Amino acid sequence: MPGKSRPLPSIPDGLRSLFRAAARDVRLLERIIAGRSGAARKAGFVLDSNEQATLDVVSETQLRVMVSMAITPAPPSVTPIQKSQSSVRRPASLGIDPEMPPRRSERKR
């Protein structure tokens, strides 16, 4: 289907080091785009068959995106925000049951 692209494959470790080197050297990146796994071997990178296949089947655009993904640090793991005790429990002295959710009028305060 036109306009529909395949999802990006995950980046194998061997390709990640190749892509980092390619991000530092534009000529290497252009050679890899033109020659794919053959150019990577000529540049001294040892790739297993899965890495070679990945390198040979992705489009040029996907390859450029994978290079940028390889040099971008991974996002920190997301941890849920802990609610403070004061926002979770409301004082019973106000006549409010601490286990009940706030009413609409109370949320507006």
Protein backbone atom coordinates (compact mmCIF):
# COMPACT_ATOMS: atom_id res chain seq x y z
CA MET A 1 0.00 0.00 0.00
CA PRO A 2 1.42 3.41 -0.88
CA GLY A 3 2.23 5.65 2.05
CA LYS A 4 2.27 2.72 4.45
CA SER A 5 5.65 1.85 5.92
CA ARG A 6 6.78 -1.23 7.72
CA PRO A 7 7.51 -0.88 11.45
CA LEU A 8 11.13 -0.37 12.41
CA PRO A 9 12.86 -3.52 13.59
CA SER A 10 14.63 -3.43 16.93
CA ILE A 11 18.32 -2.67 16.68
CA PRO A 12 20.58 -5.69 17.31
CA ASP A 13 23.67 -4.99 19.43
CA GLY A 14 26.14 -5.52 16.59
CA LEU A 15 24.33 -2.97 14.46
CA ARG A 16 24.11 -0.50 17.33
CA SER A 17 27.91 -0.12 17.41
CA LEU A 18 27.99 0.15 13.61
CA PHE A 19 25.29 2.83 13.66
CA ARG A 20 27.09 4.81 16.36
CA ALA A 21 30.23 4.82 14.22
CA ALA A 22 28.16 5.80 11.17
CA ALA A 23 26.61 8.68 13.10
CA ARG A 24 30.10 10.06 13.77
CA ASP A 25 31.29 9.55 10.18
CA VAL A 26 28.91 10.68 7.44
CA ARG A 27 31.00 9.01 4.72
CA LEU A 28 30.69 5.66 6.51
CA LEU A 29 26.94 6.17 6.79
CA GLU A 30 26.66 6.88 3.05
CA ARG A 31 28.78 3.82 2.21
CA ILE A 32 26.60 1.63 4.43
CA ILE A 33 23.42 3.00 2.85
CA ALA A 34 24.84 2.27 -0.61
CA GLY A 35 26.47 -1.10 0.11
CA ARG A 36 24.63 -2.30 3.21
CA SER A 37 26.18 -5.34 4.94
CA GLY A 38 29.03 -5.58 2.39
CA ALA A 39 30.13 -2.05 3.21
CA ALA A 40 29.89 -2.78 6.93
CA ARG A 41 32.17 -5.81 6.52
CA LYS A 42 34.65 -3.73 4.51
CA ALA A 43 34.63 -1.16 7.32
CA GLY A 44 35.72 -3.89 9.74
CA PHE A 45 32.41 -4.67 11.46
CA VAL A 46 31.56 -8.32 12.06
CA LEU A 47 27.83 -8.95 11.73
CA ASP A 48 25.94 -12.18 12.28
CA SER A 49 23.40 -13.37 9.70
CA ASN A 50 20.44 -11.73 11.47
CA GLU A 51 22.23 -8.38 11.62
CA GLN A 52 23.20 -8.66 7.95
CA ALA A 53 19.62 -9.47 6.99
CA THR A 54 18.28 -6.54 9.02
CA LEU A 55 20.77 -4.20 7.41
CA ASP A 56 19.94 -5.45 3.91
CA VAL A 57 16.12 -5.33 4.12
CA VAL A 58 15.41 -1.95 5.73
CA SER A 59 14.76 1.09 3.57
CA GLU A 60 17.17 4.02 3.48
CA THR A 61 14.80 6.10 5.61
CA GLN A 62 14.46 3.33 8.19
CA LEU A 63 18.22 2.91 8.22
CA ARG A 64 18.72 6.63 8.92
CA VAL A 65 16.12 6.48 11.71
CA MET A 66 17.82 3.44 13.22
CA VAL A 67 21.16 5.30 13.18
CA SER A 68 19.58 8.22 15.04
CA MET A 69 17.91 5.79 17.48
CA ALA A 70 21.25 4.12 18.17
CA ILE A 71 22.89 7.38 19.24
CA THR A 72 19.93 8.62 21.29
CA PRO A 73 20.16 7.50 24.92
CA ALA A 74 17.36 5.28 26.12
CA PRO A 75 14.69 7.09 28.12
CA PRO A 76 14.84 6.55 31.88
CA SER A 77 12.46 3.95 33.17
CA VAL A 78 9.14 5.46 34.00
CA THR A 79 8.17 5.20 37.63
CA PRO A 80 4.68 6.00 38.79
CA ILE A 81 4.31 9.16 40.82
CA GLN A 82 3.52 8.41 44.42
CA LYS A 83 0.74 10.50 45.89
CA SER A 84 1.56 12.11 49.16
CA GLN A 85 -0.42 10.98 52.17
CA SER A 86 -2.08 14.37 52.49
CA SER A 87 -3.58 14.14 49.01
CA VAL A 88 -4.74 10.55 49.48
CA ARG A 89 -6.42 10.85 52.85
CA ARG A 90 -8.66 13.69 53.92
CA PRO A 91 -8.98 14.46 57.61
CA ALA A 92 -11.95 12.81 59.28
CA SER A 93 -12.34 15.88 61.50
CA LEU A 94 -14.00 17.66 58.56
CA GLY A 95 -16.73 15.06 58.53
CA ILE A 96 -15.45 13.58 55.27
CA ASP A 97 -14.99 9.86 54.90
CA PRO A 98 -11.33 9.43 53.83
CA GLU A 99 -12.21 6.39 51.70
CA MET A 100 -14.83 8.19 49.58
CA PRO A 101 -13.73 9.88 46.36
CA PRO A 102 -14.05 13.67 46.41
CA ARG A 103 -17.29 15.18 45.19
CA ARG A 104 -17.24 17.43 42.16
CA SER A 105 -17.60 20.55 44.32
CA GLU A 106 -14.61 19.50 46.45
CA ARG A 107 -12.38 18.94 43.40
CA LYS A 108 -12.82 22.55 42.27
CA ARG A 109 -11.18 23.97 45.39
